[in-house]
C-alpha atoms as a PDB file:
ATOM      1  CA  MET A   1       0.000   0.000   0.000  1.00  0.00           C
ATOM      2  CA  LYS A   2       2.810   2.415   0.865  1.00  0.00           C
ATOM      3  CA  ARG A   3       4.490   1.640  -2.459  1.00  0.00           C
ATOM      4  CA  VAL A   4       1.302   2.380  -4.414  1.00  0.00           C
ATOM      5  CA  LEU A   5       0.774   5.614  -2.511  1.00  0.00           C
ATOM      6  CA  GLY A   6       4.408   6.580  -3.087  1.00  0.00           C
ATOM      7  CA  ASN A   7       4.105   5.904  -6.813  1.00  0.00           C
ATOM      8  CA  CYS A   8       0.933   8.024  -6.996  1.00  0.00           C
ATOM      9  CA  ILE A   9       2.605  10.939  -5.201  1.00  0.00           C
ATOM     10  CA  GLY A  10       5.692  10.606  -7.403  1.00  0.00           C
ATOM     11  CA  THR A  11       3.574  10.590 -10.561  1.00  0.00           C
ATOM     12  CA  ALA A  12       1.574  13.600  -9.382  1.00  0.00           C
ATOM     13  CA  LEU A  13       4.787  15.497  -8.605  1.00  0.00           C
ATOM     14  CA  ALA A  14       6.256  14.656 -12.012  1.00  0.00           C
ATOM     15  CA  CYS A  15       3.053  15.789 -13.751  1.00  0.00           C
ATOM     16  CA  SER A  16       3.042  19.042 -11.782  1.00  0.00           C
ATOM     17  CA  ILE A  17       6.630  19.776 -12.756  1.00  0.00           C
ATOM     18  CA  GLY A  18       5.815  18.945 -16.386  1.00  0.00           C
ATOM     19  CA  VAL A  19       2.809  21.259 -16.434  1.00  0.00           C
ATOM     20  CA  PHE A  20       4.846  24.055 -14.844  1.00  0.00           C
ATOM     21  CA  ALA A  21       7.648  23.613 -17.376  1.00  0.00           C
ATOM     22  CA  PHE A  22       5.186  23.919 -20.268  1.00  0.00           C
ATOM     23  CA  GLN A  23       3.624  27.039 -18.751  1.00  0.00           C
ATOM     24  CA  LEU A  24       6.875  29.023 -18.720  1.00  0.00           C
ATOM     25  CA  PRO A  25       7.039  29.440 -22.520  1.00  0.00           C
ATOM     26  CA  ALA A  26       3.279  30.107 -22.556  1.00  0.00           C
ATOM     27  CA  THR A  27       3.739  32.991 -20.101  1.00  0.00           C
ATOM     28  CA  ALA A  28       6.454  34.544 -22.266  1.00  0.00           C
ATOM     29  CA  LYS A  29       4.273  34.061 -25.350  1.00  0.00           C
ATOM     30  CA  THR A  30       1.393  35.776 -23.560  1.00  0.00           C
ATOM     31  CA  ALA A  31       3.577  38.821 -22.836  1.00  0.00           C
ATOM     32  CA  ALA A  32       4.615  38.904 -26.486  1.00  0.00           C
ATOM     33  CA  GLN A  33       0.987  38.579 -27.567  1.00  0.00           C
ATOM     34  CA  VAL A  34      -0.051  41.433 -25.277  1.00  0.00           C
ATOM     35  CA  ALA A  35       2.714  43.625 -26.716  1.00  0.00           C
ATOM     36  CA  GLU A  36       1.557  42.831 -30.261  1.00  0.00           C
ATOM     37  CA  LEU A  37      -2.094  43.521 -29.405  1.00  0.00           C
ATOM     38  CA  ALA A  38      -1.079  46.856 -27.851  1.00  0.00           C
ATOM     39  CA  ARG A  39       0.949  47.816 -30.926  1.00  0.00           C
ATOM     40  CA  GLN A  40      -2.080  47.126 -33.140  1.00  0.00           C
ATOM     41  CA  ALA A  41      -4.485  49.060 -30.867  1.00  0.00           C
ATOM     42  CA  GLU A  42      -5.262  52.772 -31.134  1.00  0.00           C
ATOM     43  CA  ALA A  43      -4.148  55.460 -28.705  1.00  0.00           C
ATOM     44  CA  VAL A  44      -6.806  56.298 -26.132  1.00  0.00           C
ATOM     45  CA  PRO A  45      -8.168  59.784 -26.971  1.00  0.00           C
ATOM     46  CA  ASP A  46      -7.220  62.641 -24.636  1.00  0.00           C
ATOM     47  CA  GLU A  47     -10.808  62.903 -23.368  1.00  0.00           C
ATOM     48  CA  GLY A  48     -10.744  59.198 -22.482  1.00  0.00           C
ATOM     49  CA  ILE A  49      -7.525  59.641 -20.487  1.00  0.00           C
ATOM     50  CA  TYR A  50      -9.033  62.649 -18.720  1.00  0.00           C
ATOM     51  CA  GLN A  51     -12.223  60.738 -17.839  1.00  0.00           C
ATOM     52  CA  MET A  52     -10.186  57.793 -16.523  1.00  0.00           C
ATOM     53  CA  TYR A  53      -8.056  59.831 -14.099  1.00  0.00           C
ATOM     54  CA  GLN A  54      -9.891  63.056 -13.208  1.00  0.00           C
ATOM     55  CA  ASN A  55     -10.469  63.390  -9.448  1.00  0.00           C
ATOM     56  CA  ARG A  56      -9.393  59.792  -8.940  1.00  0.00           C
ATOM     57  CA  SER A  57      -6.720  58.026  -6.940  1.00  0.00           C
ATOM     58  CA  TRP A  58      -4.564  55.254  -8.361  1.00  0.00           C
ATOM     59  CA  LEU A  59      -3.988  52.861  -5.467  1.00  0.00           C
ATOM     60  CA  TRP A  60      -0.559  51.211  -5.525  1.00  0.00           C
ATOM     61  CA  GLY A  61      -1.339  48.562  -2.930  1.00  0.00           C
ATOM     62  CA  ARG A  62       0.478  49.032   0.357  1.00  0.00           C
ATOM     63  CA  ASN A  63       3.191  50.983  -1.450  1.00  0.00           C
ATOM     64  CA  GLY A  64       1.217  54.190  -1.920  1.00  0.00           C
ATOM     65  CA  ALA A  65      -1.239  56.025  -4.118  1.00  0.00           C
ATOM     66  CA  GLY A  66      -1.413  58.969  -6.482  1.00  0.00           C
ATOM     67  CA  TYR A  67      -4.297  61.469  -6.744  1.00  0.00           C
ATOM     68  CA  PHE A  68      -5.130  63.340  -9.958  1.00  0.00           C
ATOM     69  CA  ALA A  69      -7.082  66.442  -8.904  1.00  0.00           C
ATOM     70  CA  VAL A  70      -8.933  68.461 -11.549  1.00  0.00           C
ATOM     71  CA  GLN A  71      -8.290  71.728  -9.726  1.00  0.00           C
ATOM     72  CA  ARG A  72      -5.047  73.162 -11.152  1.00  0.00           C
ATOM     73  CA  ARG A  73      -4.316  69.619 -12.423  1.00  0.00           C
ATOM     74  CA  GLN A  74      -2.624  68.971  -9.082  1.00  0.00           C
ATOM     75  CA  PHE A  75      -0.939  65.612  -8.592  1.00  0.00           C
ATOM     76  CA  SER A  76      -0.196  64.385  -5.070  1.00  0.00           C
ATOM     77  CA  ALA A  77       1.071  61.028  -3.876  1.00  0.00           C
ATOM     78  CA  TRP A  78       2.446  59.089  -0.968  1.00  0.00           C
ATOM     79  CA  THR A  79       4.710  56.094  -1.110  1.00  0.00           C
ATOM     80  CA  SER A  80       6.437  53.632   1.164  1.00  0.00           C
ATOM     81  CA  ASP A  81       9.582  51.904  -0.014  1.00  0.00           C
ATOM     82  CA  LYS A  82      11.013  49.310   2.361  1.00  0.00           C
ATOM     83  CA  GLY A  83       9.159  50.941   5.243  1.00  0.00           C
ATOM     84  CA  LYS A  84      10.488  54.421   4.435  1.00  0.00           C
ATOM     85  CA  PRO A  85       7.597  56.822   3.758  1.00  0.00           C
ATOM     86  CA  GLY A  86       7.748  59.575   1.180  1.00  0.00           C
ATOM     87  CA  TYR A  87       5.452  61.877  -0.729  1.00  0.00           C
ATOM     88  CA  GLY A  88       5.261  63.814  -3.957  1.00  0.00           C
ATOM     89  CA  ASP A  89       3.550  67.018  -5.093  1.00  0.00           C
ATOM     90  CA  GLY A  90       3.256  68.313  -8.609  1.00  0.00           C
ATOM     91  CA  THR A  91       1.026  68.435 -11.675  1.00  0.00           C
ATOM     92  CA  TRP A  92      -0.442  65.958 -14.123  1.00  0.00           C
ATOM     93  CA  PHE A  93      -1.026  66.494 -17.812  1.00  0.00           C
ATOM     94  CA  ILE A  94      -2.101  64.763 -21.004  1.00  0.00           C
ATOM     95  CA  PRO A  95       0.409  65.408 -23.809  1.00  0.00           C
ATOM     96  CA  GLY A  96      -1.655  63.490 -26.399  1.00  0.00           C
ATOM     97  CA  GLY A  97      -1.227  60.164 -28.106  1.00  0.00           C
ATOM     98  CA  GLY A  98      -2.843  58.231 -25.235  1.00  0.00           C
ATOM     99  CA  LYS A  99      -0.307  59.477 -22.692  1.00  0.00           C
ATOM    100  CA  LEU A 100      -0.736  60.537 -19.073  1.00  0.00           C
ATOM    101  CA  CYS A 101       2.198  62.212 -17.313  1.00  0.00           C
ATOM    102  CA  PHE A 102       2.864  63.609 -13.884  1.00  0.00           C
ATOM    103  CA  ARG A 103       5.773  65.782 -12.810  1.00  0.00           C
ATOM    104  CA  ALA A 104       6.406  65.860  -9.090  1.00  0.00           C
ATOM    105  CA  LYS A 105       8.919  66.804  -6.467  1.00  0.00           C
ATOM    106  CA  TRP A 106       9.399  63.721  -4.294  1.00  0.00           C
ATOM    107  CA  HIS A 107      10.428  63.965  -0.643  1.00  0.00           C
ATOM    108  CA  GLY A 108      11.735  61.004   1.294  1.00  0.00           C
ATOM    109  CA  ALA A 109      14.388  59.640   3.618  1.00  0.00           C
ATOM    110  CA  GLY A 110      16.984  59.857   0.834  1.00  0.00           C
ATOM    111  CA  GLY A 111      16.273  63.533   0.159  1.00  0.00           C
ATOM    112  CA  ASP A 112      14.281  65.396  -2.473  1.00  0.00           C
ATOM    113  CA  ALA A 113      14.155  64.733  -6.192  1.00  0.00           C
ATOM    114  CA  ASP A 114      12.172  65.909  -9.203  1.00  0.00           C
ATOM    115  CA  ALA A 115      10.746  63.261 -11.504  1.00  0.00           C
ATOM    116  CA  LEU A 116       8.645  63.039 -14.633  1.00  0.00           C
ATOM    117  CA  THR A 117       6.638  59.827 -15.049  1.00  0.00           C
ATOM    118  CA  CYS A 118       4.520  58.970 -18.089  1.00  0.00           C
ATOM    119  CA  PHE A 119       2.236  56.113 -19.093  1.00  0.00           C
ATOM    120  CA  GLU A 120       0.923  55.266 -22.539  1.00  0.00           C
ATOM    121  CA  HIS A 121      -2.556  53.819 -23.073  1.00  0.00           C
ATOM    122  CA  ARG A 122      -3.873  51.987 -26.141  1.00  0.00           C
ATOM    123  CA  GLN A 123      -7.344  50.618 -26.710  1.00  0.00           C
ATOM    124  CA  ALA A 124      -8.834  47.828 -28.834  1.00  0.00           C
ATOM    125  CA  GLY A 125     -12.566  47.521 -28.266  1.00  0.00           C
ATOM    126  CA  ARG A 126     -13.116  47.589 -24.497  1.00  0.00           C
ATOM    127  CA  ALA A 127      -9.597  46.358 -23.706  1.00  0.00           C
ATOM    128  CA  ILE A 128      -7.001  48.938 -22.659  1.00  0.00           C
ATOM    129  CA  TYR A 129      -3.248  48.284 -22.633  1.00  0.00           C
ATOM    130  CA  GLN A 130      -0.771  50.355 -20.645  1.00  0.00           C
ATOM    131  CA  ARG A 131       2.990  50.697 -20.326  1.00  0.00           C
ATOM    132  CA  LYS A 132       5.340  53.025 -18.527  1.00  0.00           C
ATOM    133  CA  ILE A 133       7.212  55.225 -20.959  1.00  0.00           C
ATOM    134  CA  PRO A 134       9.848  55.041 -22.356  1.00  0.00           C
ATOM    135  CA  ASP A 135      10.606  51.328 -22.137  1.00  0.00           C
ATOM    136  CA  GLY A 136       8.053  49.624 -19.904  1.00  0.00           C
ATOM    137  CA  ASP A 137       6.412  46.371 -20.935  1.00  0.00           C
ATOM    138  CA  TRP A 138       2.847  46.449 -22.189  1.00  0.00           C
ATOM    139  CA  TYR A 139       0.246  44.836 -19.940  1.00  0.00           C
ATOM    140  CA  VAL A 140      -3.517  44.557 -19.924  1.00  0.00           C
ATOM    141  CA  PHE A 141      -4.748  47.561 -17.951  1.00  0.00           C
ATOM    142  CA  ARG A 142      -8.427  46.742 -18.468  1.00  0.00           C
ATOM    143  CA  ASN A 143      -9.675  43.495 -20.018  1.00  0.00           C
ATOM    144  CA  SER A 144     -12.538  43.539 -22.497  1.00  0.00           C
ATOM    145  CA  HIS A 145     -14.452  41.487 -19.912  1.00  0.00           C
ATOM    146  CA  ARG A 146     -14.130  42.733 -16.348  1.00  0.00           C
ATOM    147  CA  SER A 147     -11.430  40.890 -14.433  1.00  0.00           C
ATOM    148  CA  LEU A 148     -10.430  41.248 -10.786  1.00  0.00           C
ATOM    149  CA  ALA A 149      -6.811  41.309 -11.997  1.00  0.00           C
ATOM    150  CA  ASP A 150      -7.338  44.575 -13.925  1.00  0.00           C
ATOM    151  CA  GLU A 151      -5.062  47.402 -12.811  1.00  0.00           C
ATOM    152  CA  PHE A 152      -7.906  49.697 -13.884  1.00  0.00           C
ATOM    153  CA  LEU A 153      -9.881  48.585 -10.804  1.00  0.00           C
ATOM    154  CA  LYS A 154      -7.208  50.226  -8.619  1.00  0.00           C
ATOM    155  CA  ILE A 155      -8.291  53.650  -9.868  1.00  0.00           C
ATOM    156  CA  LYS A 156     -10.935  54.855  -7.419  1.00  0.00           C
ATOM    157  CA  TYR A 157     -13.001  58.012  -7.450  1.00  0.00           C
ATOM    158  CA  GLY A 158     -11.935  60.409  -4.691  1.00  0.00           C
ATOM    159  CA  ASP A 159      -8.850  61.472  -2.783  1.00  0.00           C
ATOM    160  CA  TYR A 160      -7.163  58.496  -1.101  1.00  0.00           C
ATOM    161  CA  VAL A 161      -3.873  60.389  -0.741  1.00  0.00           C
ATOM    162  CA  THR A 162      -4.110  63.613   1.273  1.00  0.00           C
ATOM    163  CA  VAL A 163      -4.711  62.096   4.733  1.00  0.00           C
ATOM    164  CA  GLN A 164      -1.717  59.721   4.464  1.00  0.00           C
ATOM    165  CA  GLN A 165       0.423  62.392   2.828  1.00  0.00           C
ATOM    166  CA  ASN A 166      -0.296  64.810   5.686  1.00  0.00           C
ATOM    167  CA  ARG A 167       0.730  62.120   8.208  1.00  0.00           C
ATOM    168  CA  ILE A 168       4.038  61.667   6.418  1.00  0.00           C
ATOM    169  CA  LYS A 169       4.615  65.443   6.262  1.00  0.00           C
ATOM    170  CA  ALA A 170       3.879  65.744  10.007  1.00  0.00           C
ATOM    171  CA  ASN A 171       6.451  63.059  10.916  1.00  0.00           C
ATOM    172  CA  PRO A 172       9.605  63.912   8.928  1.00  0.00           C
END
C-alpha cells in the first residue's frame, strides 16, 4: 500500500513539474501577444484619459497612491519603499497620443528629487493596454471582460492620498 501511494505521489509530482515547465514558454508568449495587441491598438483619446483619471486616486497597494485632482491639475502622492515613507507634489497632464504624465517633487528619507513619469494607453474595443514610458512592458490595464486582476480597478473616485500624505509630512 505504501508503495502504491508513493508511486501516486511521485507521478503527481512529475506531472506538476511537467505542467509548470510547459507554462513558462506560454507565459512569455502571452507577454509577447499582449505587446503585439497593444501595438495594433489605437491610442486612447485625450478625453478618455481625462475621464479615466480626473479626481481619482490610483492605489498602488500598500506601497502608496497617487491622486489626480482636476483643480489646477494637481498631482499628489504618498509612497512607502522598504518601510520608508515619502510623498510627492506636482502636476499631471495629457500630452496626447494616449499618454498621461505627472511631474512631481518627491520627498523622502533619501532627500528630495524631481521626476517626470509617463504612461501610454492603447485601446482595442473595451480592452485597454498600458505601459510606462519610455521602455516599460505592455500589460492589460483593463480586459474587455471585467477581471479582478485589472489594474484599472485600482483607480478609485476620490482622494485616497491627502490624509496619508499629511501624516508623512507631520512626521519627517
